[in-house]
Amino acid sequence: MRWLIPSRGMAIVRNMKDIRTFIAVPMEANVQKAAKELVHALRDEGDGVRWVPLDDLHLTLKFLGDVDNTLIPRVCDVVRQCCQDTPPTELHVVGAGGFPNAQRPRVIWAGIDQGGDVLAGLVERMELAFAELGFKREPRDWMPHLTLGRTRRGGRRPQQLAERIAAHAELDLGWMEARQLRVYASYLDKHGPSYHVMDTIPLGA
C-alpha cells in the first residue's frame, strides 16, 4: 500500500477507493501498559477471545465506516472544527467489563469513569456535523470505553472468563490527558486489523 502525505500530516491511501475510517483519542503509554497487563490477566488459551492490538490502543469516538478517499480531507476538516470548542481533558481508565454484560460478553472493555462527559459533548457535535454530510447517526448514546477483545462463537470456559472480568472490575488503569484526536484508516490483512493515522487534530485549538 502506498501512502501520500500532504499538508497537515494527512495520509491518503492512493490505491483504495474506500477507506474504513474512525475517529479516536490515542491512549498514553501508562494506560497502554496497564491495559496490556489487564489483557494478560484476562487471557486464557481456548477462551475464544480475539484480543485487539494494544500497541495503538484508542478510545473510539465515531466510526464512519467505508469513506470515499476523496472525502477524507473534508472529514478531517469537520473533526478539526468540532474540536475547537473542546479543551484537553483528564480521563480516568478503570475496570474491566463486557457488552452486553460481563457474564456473557461479546465485547470486553476497560471503562472510563471520569472525563467521558466532556468527550460526550464532542461526540454529539461530530454526530450532528457528520449527519449533515450524509453519515448515519449512531442509534445508541455513546459510552466511553476501550475495546480490549471480542469473543468468538464456540469459545470454551465462558464462566471462567466472566470470573476473571469480575475480579478486575475495579482495577485502576491510570489517568491521562486527552489532548488530541486522530482520524484513523483501518484495514485487515492476514495478521488482523492494522491502523494508520491520517490526521492528528489537537483539542481546543
N, C-alpha and C. Protein backbone atom coordinates (compact mmCIF):
# COMPACT_ATOMS: atom_id res chain seq x y z
N MET A 1 0.84 -1.19 0.00
CA MET A 1 0.00 0.00 0.00
C MET A 1 0.88 1.25 0.00
N ARG A 2 0.53 2.21 -0.83
CA ARG A 2 1.29 3.45 -0.91
C ARG A 2 0.51 4.56 -0.22
N TRP A 3 1.25 5.37 0.52
CA TRP A 3 0.61 6.45 1.28
C TRP A 3 1.12 7.79 0.77
N LEU A 4 0.21 8.71 0.60
CA LEU A 4 0.54 10.07 0.20
C LEU A 4 0.41 10.96 1.43
N ILE A 5 1.46 11.71 1.76
CA ILE A 5 1.44 12.55 2.94
C ILE A 5 1.40 14.01 2.50
N PRO A 6 0.21 14.60 2.39
CA PRO A 6 0.14 16.01 2.03
C PRO A 6 0.26 16.89 3.27
N SER A 7 -0.18 18.15 3.17
CA SER A 7 -0.06 19.09 4.27
C SER A 7 -0.86 18.62 5.49
N ARG A 8 -0.45 19.11 6.67
CA ARG A 8 -1.08 18.83 7.96
C ARG A 8 -0.99 17.35 8.33
N GLY A 9 -0.13 16.61 7.71
CA GLY A 9 0.12 15.24 8.12
C GLY A 9 -0.93 14.24 7.71
N MET A 10 -1.89 14.62 6.87
CA MET A 10 -2.90 13.65 6.45
C MET A 10 -2.28 12.63 5.51
N ALA A 11 -2.73 11.39 5.66
CA ALA A 11 -2.26 10.32 4.77
C ALA A 11 -3.45 9.75 4.04
N ILE A 12 -3.36 9.61 2.72
CA ILE A 12 -4.46 9.07 1.92
C ILE A 12 -3.97 7.84 1.19
N VAL A 13 -4.74 6.78 1.26
CA VAL A 13 -4.39 5.56 0.55
C VAL A 13 -4.74 5.76 -0.92
N ARG A 14 -3.74 5.81 -1.75
CA ARG A 14 -3.96 6.19 -3.15
C ARG A 14 -4.64 5.09 -3.95
N ASN A 15 -4.38 3.84 -3.58
CA ASN A 15 -4.93 2.74 -4.39
C ASN A 15 -6.16 2.12 -3.76
N MET A 16 -6.83 2.83 -2.86
CA MET A 16 -8.08 2.36 -2.27
C MET A 16 -9.15 3.42 -2.49
N LYS A 17 -10.25 3.04 -3.08
CA LYS A 17 -11.33 4.00 -3.29
C LYS A 17 -12.04 4.31 -1.99
N ASP A 18 -12.30 3.28 -1.19
CA ASP A 18 -12.99 3.45 0.09
C ASP A 18 -12.03 3.12 1.23
N ILE A 19 -12.03 3.96 2.25
CA ILE A 19 -11.16 3.79 3.40
C ILE A 19 -12.03 3.61 4.64
N ARG A 20 -11.83 2.52 5.33
CA ARG A 20 -12.55 2.26 6.58
C ARG A 20 -12.01 3.22 7.63
N THR A 21 -12.86 4.12 8.09
CA THR A 21 -12.40 5.31 8.82
C THR A 21 -13.07 5.41 10.19
N PHE A 22 -12.27 5.78 11.19
CA PHE A 22 -12.85 6.09 12.50
C PHE A 22 -12.03 7.18 13.18
N ILE A 23 -12.63 7.79 14.20
CA ILE A 23 -12.03 8.91 14.92
C ILE A 23 -11.88 8.51 16.37
N ALA A 24 -10.70 8.74 16.95
CA ALA A 24 -10.45 8.23 18.29
C ALA A 24 -9.42 9.08 19.02
N VAL A 25 -9.40 8.92 20.35
CA VAL A 25 -8.38 9.51 21.21
C VAL A 25 -7.30 8.45 21.44
N PRO A 26 -6.05 8.73 21.09
CA PRO A 26 -4.99 7.76 21.37
C PRO A 26 -4.68 7.72 22.87
N MET A 27 -4.39 6.54 23.37
CA MET A 27 -4.07 6.38 24.78
C MET A 27 -2.59 6.64 25.03
N GLU A 28 -2.28 7.19 26.20
CA GLU A 28 -0.89 7.44 26.56
C GLU A 28 -0.22 6.15 27.04
N ALA A 29 1.10 6.20 27.14
CA ALA A 29 1.89 4.99 27.39
C ALA A 29 1.51 4.30 28.70
N ASN A 30 1.20 5.08 29.74
CA ASN A 30 0.88 4.45 31.03
C ASN A 30 -0.41 3.63 30.95
N VAL A 31 -1.39 4.12 30.21
CA VAL A 31 -2.64 3.38 30.05
C VAL A 31 -2.43 2.17 29.14
N GLN A 32 -1.64 2.34 28.10
CA GLN A 32 -1.34 1.21 27.22
C GLN A 32 -0.68 0.08 28.01
N LYS A 33 0.27 0.43 28.87
CA LYS A 33 0.98 -0.58 29.66
C LYS A 33 0.01 -1.29 30.61
N ALA A 34 -0.83 -0.51 31.30
CA ALA A 34 -1.79 -1.11 32.22
C ALA A 34 -2.80 -1.99 31.49
N ALA A 35 -3.21 -1.58 30.29
CA ALA A 35 -4.16 -2.38 29.51
C ALA A 35 -3.54 -3.70 29.08
N LYS A 36 -2.27 -3.68 28.70
CA LYS A 36 -1.58 -4.92 28.34
C LYS A 36 -1.53 -5.87 29.52
N GLU A 37 -1.27 -5.33 30.72
CA GLU A 37 -1.23 -6.17 31.91
C GLU A 37 -2.62 -6.74 32.22
N LEU A 38 -3.66 -5.93 32.00
CA LEU A 38 -5.02 -6.41 32.22
C LEU A 38 -5.36 -7.53 31.24
N VAL A 39 -5.04 -7.35 29.97
CA VAL A 39 -5.33 -8.40 28.99
C VAL A 39 -4.56 -9.67 29.32
N HIS A 40 -3.32 -9.54 29.78
CA HIS A 40 -2.54 -10.72 30.18
C HIS A 40 -3.25 -11.47 31.31
N ALA A 41 -3.86 -10.71 32.24
CA ALA A 41 -4.57 -11.34 33.35
C ALA A 41 -5.89 -11.98 32.90
N LEU A 42 -6.51 -11.42 31.88
CA LEU A 42 -7.80 -11.94 31.40
C LEU A 42 -7.65 -13.08 30.41
N ARG A 43 -6.55 -13.10 29.69
CA ARG A 43 -6.36 -14.05 28.59
C ARG A 43 -6.17 -15.47 29.11
N ASP A 44 -6.75 -16.41 28.36
CA ASP A 44 -6.56 -17.83 28.66
C ASP A 44 -6.70 -18.62 27.37
N GLU A 45 -5.87 -19.60 27.18
CA GLU A 45 -5.93 -20.40 25.96
C GLU A 45 -7.29 -21.06 25.84
N GLY A 46 -7.89 -20.93 24.67
CA GLY A 46 -9.20 -21.52 24.45
C GLY A 46 -10.35 -20.68 24.93
N ASP A 47 -10.08 -19.40 25.32
CA ASP A 47 -11.17 -18.57 25.83
C ASP A 47 -12.06 -18.03 24.70
N GLY A 48 -11.63 -18.20 23.45
CA GLY A 48 -12.46 -17.77 22.33
C GLY A 48 -12.52 -16.27 22.16
N VAL A 49 -11.49 -15.55 22.63
CA VAL A 49 -11.47 -14.10 22.52
C VAL A 49 -10.44 -13.68 21.47
N ARG A 50 -10.84 -12.78 20.60
CA ARG A 50 -9.92 -12.15 19.65
C ARG A 50 -9.51 -10.82 20.25
N TRP A 51 -8.33 -10.78 20.84
CA TRP A 51 -7.85 -9.58 21.53
C TRP A 51 -7.36 -8.56 20.51
N VAL A 52 -7.63 -7.29 20.78
CA VAL A 52 -7.26 -6.24 19.83
C VAL A 52 -5.78 -5.91 19.96
N PRO A 53 -5.15 -5.34 18.91
CA PRO A 53 -3.76 -4.89 19.04
C PRO A 53 -3.67 -3.78 20.08
N LEU A 54 -2.77 -3.92 21.04
CA LEU A 54 -2.70 -2.97 22.14
C LEU A 54 -1.58 -1.95 21.97
N ASP A 55 -0.81 -2.04 20.89
CA ASP A 55 0.25 -1.07 20.68
C ASP A 55 -0.28 0.27 20.21
N ASP A 56 -1.52 0.29 19.76
CA ASP A 56 -2.15 1.55 19.33
C ASP A 56 -3.55 1.62 19.93
N LEU A 57 -3.63 1.46 21.24
CA LEU A 57 -4.92 1.46 21.92
C LEU A 57 -5.55 2.84 21.83
N HIS A 58 -6.86 2.87 21.62
CA HIS A 58 -7.53 4.15 21.42
C HIS A 58 -8.96 4.09 21.94
N LEU A 59 -9.48 5.27 22.23
CA LEU A 59 -10.86 5.45 22.66
C LEU A 59 -11.66 5.95 21.45
N THR A 60 -12.45 5.08 20.86
CA THR A 60 -13.18 5.44 19.64
C THR A 60 -14.33 6.39 19.97
N LEU A 61 -14.39 7.50 19.23
CA LEU A 61 -15.48 8.46 19.39
C LEU A 61 -16.53 8.32 18.29
N LYS A 62 -16.09 8.03 17.08
CA LYS A 62 -17.02 7.95 15.96
C LYS A 62 -16.46 7.01 14.90
N PHE A 63 -17.27 6.02 14.51
CA PHE A 63 -16.92 5.11 13.43
C PHE A 63 -17.71 5.52 12.19
N LEU A 64 -17.01 5.81 11.12
CA LEU A 64 -17.65 6.28 9.90
C LEU A 64 -17.87 5.18 8.87
N GLY A 65 -17.19 4.07 9.01
CA GLY A 65 -17.30 3.01 8.02
C GLY A 65 -16.46 3.32 6.80
N ASP A 66 -16.83 2.77 5.66
CA ASP A 66 -16.08 2.98 4.42
C ASP A 66 -16.37 4.37 3.86
N VAL A 67 -15.31 5.15 3.69
CA VAL A 67 -15.41 6.53 3.23
C VAL A 67 -14.63 6.67 1.92
N ASP A 68 -15.26 7.28 0.93
CA ASP A 68 -14.57 7.57 -0.33
C ASP A 68 -13.31 8.38 -0.03
N ASN A 69 -12.18 7.96 -0.61
CA ASN A 69 -10.92 8.62 -0.25
C ASN A 69 -10.89 10.10 -0.60
N THR A 70 -11.72 10.54 -1.53
CA THR A 70 -11.75 11.97 -1.85
C THR A 70 -12.41 12.79 -0.76
N LEU A 71 -13.15 12.13 0.14
CA LEU A 71 -13.83 12.83 1.24
C LEU A 71 -12.98 12.93 2.50
N ILE A 72 -11.85 12.23 2.55
CA ILE A 72 -11.05 12.21 3.77
C ILE A 72 -10.61 13.61 4.20
N PRO A 73 -10.13 14.48 3.32
CA PRO A 73 -9.79 15.83 3.77
C PRO A 73 -10.98 16.57 4.39
N ARG A 74 -12.17 16.39 3.82
CA ARG A 74 -13.37 17.02 4.38
C ARG A 74 -13.69 16.45 5.75
N VAL A 75 -13.56 15.14 5.91
CA VAL A 75 -13.77 14.51 7.21
C VAL A 75 -12.83 15.11 8.25
N CYS A 76 -11.57 15.27 7.90
CA CYS A 76 -10.60 15.83 8.84
C CYS A 76 -10.94 17.28 9.18
N ASP A 77 -11.42 18.04 8.22
CA ASP A 77 -11.82 19.42 8.48
C ASP A 77 -12.99 19.48 9.45
N VAL A 78 -13.96 18.58 9.29
CA VAL A 78 -15.11 18.54 10.20
C VAL A 78 -14.65 18.23 11.62
N VAL A 79 -13.77 17.26 11.77
CA VAL A 79 -13.26 16.93 13.10
C VAL A 79 -12.53 18.12 13.70
N ARG A 80 -11.73 18.80 12.89
CA ARG A 80 -10.99 19.96 13.39
C ARG A 80 -11.94 21.04 13.89
N GLN A 81 -13.00 21.30 13.15
CA GLN A 81 -13.98 22.31 13.56
C GLN A 81 -14.66 21.92 14.87
N CYS A 82 -15.00 20.65 15.00
CA CYS A 82 -15.68 20.18 16.21
C CYS A 82 -14.77 20.23 17.43
N CYS A 83 -13.47 20.08 17.23
CA CYS A 83 -12.52 20.05 18.35
C CYS A 83 -12.23 21.43 18.92
N GLN A 84 -12.54 22.48 18.18
CA GLN A 84 -12.15 23.82 18.60
C GLN A 84 -12.72 24.21 19.95
N ASP A 85 -13.94 23.76 20.25
CA ASP A 85 -14.61 24.16 21.49
C ASP A 85 -14.47 23.13 22.60
N THR A 86 -13.62 22.13 22.42
CA THR A 86 -13.43 21.11 23.44
C THR A 86 -12.00 21.19 23.96
N PRO A 87 -11.80 21.56 25.24
CA PRO A 87 -10.45 21.67 25.77
C PRO A 87 -9.87 20.28 26.07
N PRO A 88 -8.55 20.18 26.20
CA PRO A 88 -7.97 18.93 26.69
C PRO A 88 -8.61 18.55 28.03
N THR A 89 -8.79 17.26 28.24
CA THR A 89 -9.50 16.81 29.44
C THR A 89 -8.84 15.58 30.03
N GLU A 90 -8.88 15.47 31.36
CA GLU A 90 -8.31 14.33 32.06
C GLU A 90 -9.28 13.16 32.02
N LEU A 91 -8.75 11.99 31.70
CA LEU A 91 -9.53 10.76 31.67
C LEU A 91 -9.00 9.79 32.71
N HIS A 92 -9.91 9.10 33.38
CA HIS A 92 -9.53 8.04 34.32
C HIS A 92 -10.03 6.72 33.77
N VAL A 93 -9.10 5.80 33.54
CA VAL A 93 -9.42 4.50 32.96
C VAL A 93 -9.43 3.48 34.10
N VAL A 94 -10.55 2.79 34.25
CA VAL A 94 -10.68 1.88 35.39
C VAL A 94 -11.61 0.73 35.06
N GLY A 95 -11.20 -0.47 35.45
CA GLY A 95 -12.09 -1.63 35.47
C GLY A 95 -12.31 -2.33 34.16
N ALA A 96 -12.52 -3.64 34.25
CA ALA A 96 -12.89 -4.46 33.10
C ALA A 96 -14.39 -4.72 33.12
N GLY A 97 -14.98 -4.84 31.95
CA GLY A 97 -16.41 -5.13 31.83
C GLY A 97 -16.70 -5.74 30.48
N GLY A 98 -17.98 -5.91 30.18
CA GLY A 98 -18.35 -6.52 28.91
C GLY A 98 -19.69 -6.04 28.40
N PHE A 99 -19.85 -6.06 27.10
CA PHE A 99 -21.14 -5.81 26.43
C PHE A 99 -21.65 -7.14 25.88
N PRO A 100 -22.92 -7.47 25.96
CA PRO A 100 -23.98 -6.70 26.64
C PRO A 100 -23.92 -6.81 28.15
N ASN A 101 -23.18 -7.79 28.68
CA ASN A 101 -22.97 -7.92 30.12
C ASN A 101 -21.67 -8.70 30.33
N ALA A 102 -21.18 -8.64 31.56
CA ALA A 102 -19.89 -9.27 31.86
C ALA A 102 -19.99 -10.78 32.01
N GLN A 103 -21.21 -11.31 32.14
CA GLN A 103 -21.37 -12.76 32.30
C GLN A 103 -21.25 -13.49 30.96
N ARG A 104 -21.80 -12.90 29.90
CA ARG A 104 -21.71 -13.49 28.55
C ARG A 104 -21.30 -12.38 27.58
N PRO A 105 -20.07 -11.89 27.69
CA PRO A 105 -19.70 -10.71 26.90
C PRO A 105 -19.43 -11.06 25.44
N ARG A 106 -19.85 -10.16 24.57
CA ARG A 106 -19.42 -10.22 23.18
C ARG A 106 -18.23 -9.29 22.95
N VAL A 107 -18.19 -8.22 23.76
CA VAL A 107 -17.07 -7.28 23.73
C VAL A 107 -16.54 -7.13 25.15
N ILE A 108 -15.23 -7.19 25.30
CA ILE A 108 -14.58 -6.99 26.59
C ILE A 108 -13.90 -5.63 26.56
N TRP A 109 -14.11 -4.84 27.61
CA TRP A 109 -13.63 -3.47 27.58
C TRP A 109 -13.04 -3.04 28.91
N ALA A 110 -12.31 -1.91 28.87
CA ALA A 110 -11.91 -1.17 30.06
C ALA A 110 -12.71 0.13 30.07
N GLY A 111 -13.17 0.53 31.26
CA GLY A 111 -14.09 1.66 31.35
C GLY A 111 -13.40 3.00 31.57
N ILE A 112 -14.15 4.06 31.33
CA ILE A 112 -13.74 5.44 31.60
C ILE A 112 -14.73 5.99 32.61
N ASP A 113 -14.28 6.28 33.84
CA ASP A 113 -15.25 6.73 34.84
C ASP A 113 -15.17 8.23 35.13
N GLN A 114 -14.18 8.92 34.57
CA GLN A 114 -14.12 10.37 34.71
C GLN A 114 -13.56 10.97 33.41
N GLY A 115 -14.15 12.08 33.01
CA GLY A 115 -13.72 12.78 31.80
C GLY A 115 -14.54 12.45 30.57
N GLY A 116 -15.32 11.39 30.64
CA GLY A 116 -16.11 10.99 29.48
C GLY A 116 -17.21 11.97 29.13
N ASP A 117 -17.70 12.73 30.13
CA ASP A 117 -18.79 13.66 29.86
C ASP A 117 -18.35 14.79 28.92
N VAL A 118 -17.10 15.23 29.07
CA VAL A 118 -16.59 16.27 28.17
C VAL A 118 -16.51 15.75 26.75
N LEU A 119 -16.00 14.53 26.60
CA LEU A 119 -15.90 13.95 25.26
C LEU A 119 -17.26 13.62 24.68
N ALA A 120 -18.25 13.34 25.54
CA ALA A 120 -19.60 13.05 25.04
C ALA A 120 -20.17 14.26 24.30
N GLY A 121 -19.88 15.47 24.80
CA GLY A 121 -20.31 16.66 24.09
C GLY A 121 -19.66 16.79 22.73
N LEU A 122 -18.38 16.44 22.66
CA LEU A 122 -17.67 16.46 21.38
C LEU A 122 -18.25 15.42 20.42
N VAL A 123 -18.56 14.24 20.94
CA VAL A 123 -19.16 13.20 20.11
C VAL A 123 -20.48 13.68 19.53
N GLU A 124 -21.30 14.35 20.33
CA GLU A 124 -22.59 14.83 19.84
C GLU A 124 -22.40 15.86 18.73
N ARG A 125 -21.42 16.76 18.88
CA ARG A 125 -21.17 17.74 17.83
C ARG A 125 -20.73 17.04 16.54
N MET A 126 -19.91 16.02 16.68
CA MET A 126 -19.48 15.28 15.48
C MET A 126 -20.64 14.53 14.85
N GLU A 127 -21.51 13.96 15.67
CA GLU A 127 -22.68 13.26 15.12
C GLU A 127 -23.52 14.21 14.26
N LEU A 128 -23.75 15.41 14.77
CA LEU A 128 -24.55 16.39 14.03
C LEU A 128 -23.84 16.81 12.74
N ALA A 129 -22.54 17.08 12.85
CA ALA A 129 -21.80 17.56 11.69
C ALA A 129 -21.70 16.48 10.61
N PHE A 130 -21.46 15.25 11.02
CA PHE A 130 -21.34 14.18 10.02
C PHE A 130 -22.70 13.78 9.44
N ALA A 131 -23.77 13.97 10.21
CA ALA A 131 -25.10 13.71 9.66
C ALA A 131 -25.38 14.66 8.50
N GLU A 132 -24.88 15.89 8.59
CA GLU A 132 -25.07 16.85 7.50
C GLU A 132 -24.31 16.42 6.25
N LEU A 133 -23.27 15.61 6.43
CA LEU A 133 -22.52 15.09 5.28
C LEU A 133 -23.09 13.78 4.75
N GLY A 134 -24.15 13.30 5.41
CA GLY A 134 -24.79 12.08 4.93
C GLY A 134 -24.42 10.82 5.68
N PHE A 135 -23.61 10.93 6.75
CA PHE A 135 -23.27 9.76 7.54
C PHE A 135 -24.38 9.47 8.55
N LYS A 136 -24.58 8.20 8.82
CA LYS A 136 -25.63 7.80 9.76
C LYS A 136 -25.23 8.13 11.20
N ARG A 137 -26.22 8.59 11.97
CA ARG A 137 -26.01 8.77 13.40
C ARG A 137 -25.98 7.41 14.09
N GLU A 138 -25.22 7.35 15.18
CA GLU A 138 -25.23 6.13 15.98
C GLU A 138 -26.60 5.97 16.64
N PRO A 139 -27.16 4.75 16.64
CA PRO A 139 -28.50 4.56 17.21
C PRO A 139 -28.53 4.63 18.73
N ARG A 140 -27.38 4.46 19.38
CA ARG A 140 -27.33 4.47 20.84
C ARG A 140 -26.42 5.59 21.32
N ASP A 141 -26.66 6.01 22.57
CA ASP A 141 -25.78 7.02 23.16
C ASP A 141 -24.36 6.47 23.27
N TRP A 142 -23.40 7.35 23.11
CA TRP A 142 -22.00 6.96 23.20
C TRP A 142 -21.63 6.61 24.63
N MET A 143 -20.98 5.50 24.83
CA MET A 143 -20.47 5.09 26.14
C MET A 143 -18.96 4.97 26.05
N PRO A 144 -18.22 5.79 26.82
CA PRO A 144 -16.76 5.75 26.71
C PRO A 144 -16.18 4.44 27.23
N HIS A 145 -15.39 3.78 26.40
CA HIS A 145 -14.74 2.53 26.80
C HIS A 145 -13.61 2.22 25.82
N LEU A 146 -12.68 1.42 26.27
CA LEU A 146 -11.59 0.93 25.43
C LEU A 146 -11.86 -0.53 25.11
N THR A 147 -12.07 -0.84 23.86
CA THR A 147 -12.31 -2.23 23.47
C THR A 147 -11.00 -3.01 23.59
N LEU A 148 -11.04 -4.10 24.36
CA LEU A 148 -9.87 -4.96 24.55
C LEU A 148 -9.95 -6.24 23.73
N GLY A 149 -11.17 -6.75 23.54
CA GLY A 149 -11.30 -8.00 22.80
C GLY A 149 -12.75 -8.28 22.45
N ARG A 150 -12.93 -9.21 21.54
CA ARG A 150 -14.27 -9.65 21.11
C ARG A 150 -14.31 -11.17 21.15
N THR A 151 -15.38 -11.71 21.69
CA THR A 151 -15.48 -13.16 21.82
C THR A 151 -15.91 -13.79 20.51
N ARG A 152 -15.38 -14.98 20.26
CA ARG A 152 -15.77 -15.76 19.10
C ARG A 152 -16.80 -16.80 19.52
N ARG A 153 -17.61 -17.21 18.58
CA ARG A 153 -18.52 -18.30 18.85
C ARG A 153 -17.72 -19.58 19.08
N GLY A 154 -18.18 -20.36 20.03
CA GLY A 154 -17.51 -21.63 20.29
C GLY A 154 -16.38 -21.54 21.30
N GLY A 155 -16.20 -20.36 21.90
CA GLY A 155 -15.17 -20.24 22.92
C GLY A 155 -15.49 -21.10 24.13
N ARG A 156 -14.46 -21.67 24.72
CA ARG A 156 -14.65 -22.55 25.86
C ARG A 156 -14.52 -21.76 27.16
N ARG A 157 -15.06 -22.33 28.21
CA ARG A 157 -14.94 -21.82 29.58
C ARG A 157 -15.42 -20.37 29.72
N PRO A 158 -16.64 -20.06 29.27
CA PRO A 158 -17.14 -18.69 29.41
C PRO A 158 -17.29 -18.27 30.87
N GLN A 159 -17.60 -19.22 31.76
CA GLN A 159 -17.75 -18.88 33.17
C GLN A 159 -16.43 -18.41 33.76
N GLN A 160 -15.33 -19.07 33.38
CA GLN A 160 -14.03 -18.65 33.88
C GLN A 160 -13.65 -17.26 33.37
N LEU A 161 -13.99 -16.97 32.12
CA LEU A 161 -13.74 -15.63 31.59
C LEU A 161 -14.53 -14.60 32.36
N ALA A 162 -15.80 -14.88 32.62
CA ALA A 162 -16.64 -13.95 33.38
C ALA A 162 -16.07 -13.72 34.77
N GLU A 163 -15.54 -14.76 35.39
CA GLU A 163 -14.95 -14.62 36.72
C GLU A 163 -13.70 -13.75 36.68
N ARG A 164 -12.90 -13.89 35.65
CA ARG A 164 -11.69 -13.06 35.54
C ARG A 164 -12.07 -11.59 35.30
N ILE A 165 -13.10 -11.36 34.49
CA ILE A 165 -13.56 -9.98 34.28
C ILE A 165 -14.04 -9.38 35.59
N ALA A 166 -14.84 -10.14 36.34
CA ALA A 166 -15.37 -9.64 37.61
C ALA A 166 -14.25 -9.34 38.60
N ALA A 167 -13.20 -10.15 38.58
CA ALA A 167 -12.09 -9.96 39.51
C ALA A 167 -11.30 -8.69 39.22
N HIS A 168 -11.44 -8.15 38.01
CA HIS A 168 -10.70 -6.94 37.63
C HIS A 168 -11.64 -5.77 37.35
N ALA A 169 -12.85 -5.84 37.88
CA ALA A 169 -13.85 -4.80 37.60
C ALA A 169 -13.49 -3.44 38.18
N GLU A 170 -12.66 -3.42 39.22
CA GLU A 170 -12.29 -2.15 39.86
C GLU A 170 -10.83 -1.80 39.65
N LEU A 171 -10.16 -2.49 38.77
CA LEU A 171 -8.73 -2.25 38.56
C LEU A 171 -8.47 -0.85 38.02
N ASP A 172 -7.55 -0.12 38.64
CA ASP A 172 -7.20 1.23 38.22
C ASP A 172 -6.14 1.15 37.13
N LEU A 173 -6.49 1.61 35.92
CA LEU A 173 -5.53 1.60 34.82
C LEU A 173 -4.84 2.94 34.63
N GLY A 174 -5.21 3.93 35.42
CA GLY A 174 -4.48 5.19 35.41
C GLY A 174 -5.22 6.37 34.81
N TRP A 175 -4.59 7.53 34.98
CA TRP A 175 -5.08 8.79 34.43
C TRP A 175 -4.25 9.19 33.21
N MET A 176 -4.88 9.93 32.33
CA MET A 176 -4.17 10.50 31.19
C MET A 176 -4.92 11.74 30.72
N GLU A 177 -4.23 12.60 30.01
CA GLU A 177 -4.87 13.78 29.43
C GLU A 177 -5.16 13.53 27.96
N ALA A 178 -6.43 13.67 27.59
CA ALA A 178 -6.81 13.61 26.18
C ALA A 178 -6.52 14.97 25.57
N ARG A 179 -5.51 15.04 24.72
CA ARG A 179 -5.07 16.31 24.14
C ARG A 179 -5.35 16.40 22.64
N GLN A 180 -5.64 15.26 22.01
CA GLN A 180 -5.79 15.27 20.56
C GLN A 180 -6.68 14.12 20.12
N LEU A 181 -7.21 14.26 18.92
CA LEU A 181 -7.91 13.18 18.24
C LEU A 181 -7.08 12.75 17.04
N ARG A 182 -7.32 11.52 16.62
CA ARG A 182 -6.71 11.03 15.39
C ARG A 182 -7.81 10.50 14.47
N VAL A 183 -7.64 10.77 13.19
CA VAL A 183 -8.50 10.16 12.18
C VAL A 183 -7.73 8.96 11.63
N TYR A 184 -8.29 7.78 11.85
CA TYR A 184 -7.59 6.54 11.51
C TYR A 184 -8.18 5.89 10.26
N ALA A 185 -7.31 5.23 9.50
CA ALA A 185 -7.71 4.26 8.49
C ALA A 185 -7.47 2.88 9.06
N SER A 186 -8.41 1.99 8.84
CA SER A 186 -8.30 0.62 9.34
C SER A 186 -8.44 -0.35 8.18
N TYR A 187 -7.58 -1.36 8.15
CA TYR A 187 -7.76 -2.41 7.15
C TYR A 187 -7.29 -3.73 7.73
N LEU A 188 -7.78 -4.80 7.16
CA LEU A 188 -7.49 -6.15 7.63
C LEU A 188 -6.52 -6.84 6.68
N ASP A 189 -5.57 -7.55 7.25
CA ASP A 189 -4.74 -8.46 6.48
C ASP A 189 -4.66 -9.78 7.22
N LYS A 190 -3.77 -10.66 6.80
CA LYS A 190 -3.71 -11.99 7.40
C LYS A 190 -3.29 -11.95 8.87
N HIS A 191 -2.71 -10.83 9.31
CA HIS A 191 -2.28 -10.70 10.70
C HIS A 191 -3.34 -10.05 11.58
N GLY A 192 -4.46 -9.61 10.98
CA GLY A 192 -5.50 -8.95 11.75
C GLY A 192 -5.62 -7.49 11.36
N PRO A 193 -6.31 -6.68 12.19
CA PRO A 193 -6.51 -5.27 11.85
C PRO A 193 -5.23 -4.45 12.01
N SER A 194 -5.06 -3.48 11.13
CA SER A 194 -3.97 -2.52 11.22
C SER A 194 -4.57 -1.12 11.15
N TYR A 195 -3.97 -0.19 11.89
CA TYR A 195 -4.47 1.18 11.94
C TYR A 195 -3.39 2.13 11.44
N HIS A 196 -3.81 3.10 10.63
CA HIS A 196 -2.89 4.11 10.13
C HIS A 196 -3.49 5.49 10.39
N VAL A 197 -2.68 6.38 10.92
CA VAL A 197 -3.14 7.73 11.25
C VAL A 197 -3.16 8.58 9.99
N MET A 198 -4.35 9.12 9.67
CA MET A 198 -4.48 10.00 8.52
C MET A 198 -4.38 11.47 8.90
N ASP A 199 -4.74 11.81 10.13
CA ASP A 199 -4.60 13.18 10.61
C ASP A 199 -4.61 13.17 12.13
N THR A 200 -3.89 14.11 12.72
CA THR A 200 -3.87 14.32 14.17
C THR A 200 -4.35 15.73 14.44
N ILE A 201 -5.35 15.87 15.30
CA ILE A 201 -6.04 17.14 15.49
C ILE A 201 -6.06 17.48 16.97
N PRO A 202 -5.49 18.61 17.39
CA PRO A 202 -5.46 18.96 18.81
C PRO A 202 -6.83 19.40 19.31
N LEU A 203 -7.09 19.16 20.57
CA LEU A 203 -8.31 19.66 21.20
C LEU A 203 -8.10 21.11 21.63
N GLY A 204 -9.15 21.91 21.46
CA GLY A 204 -9.13 23.28 21.93
C GLY A 204 -8.31 24.24 21.10
N ALA A 205 -7.90 23.84 19.90
CA ALA A 205 -7.05 24.71 19.08
C ALA A 205 -7.84 25.26 17.89
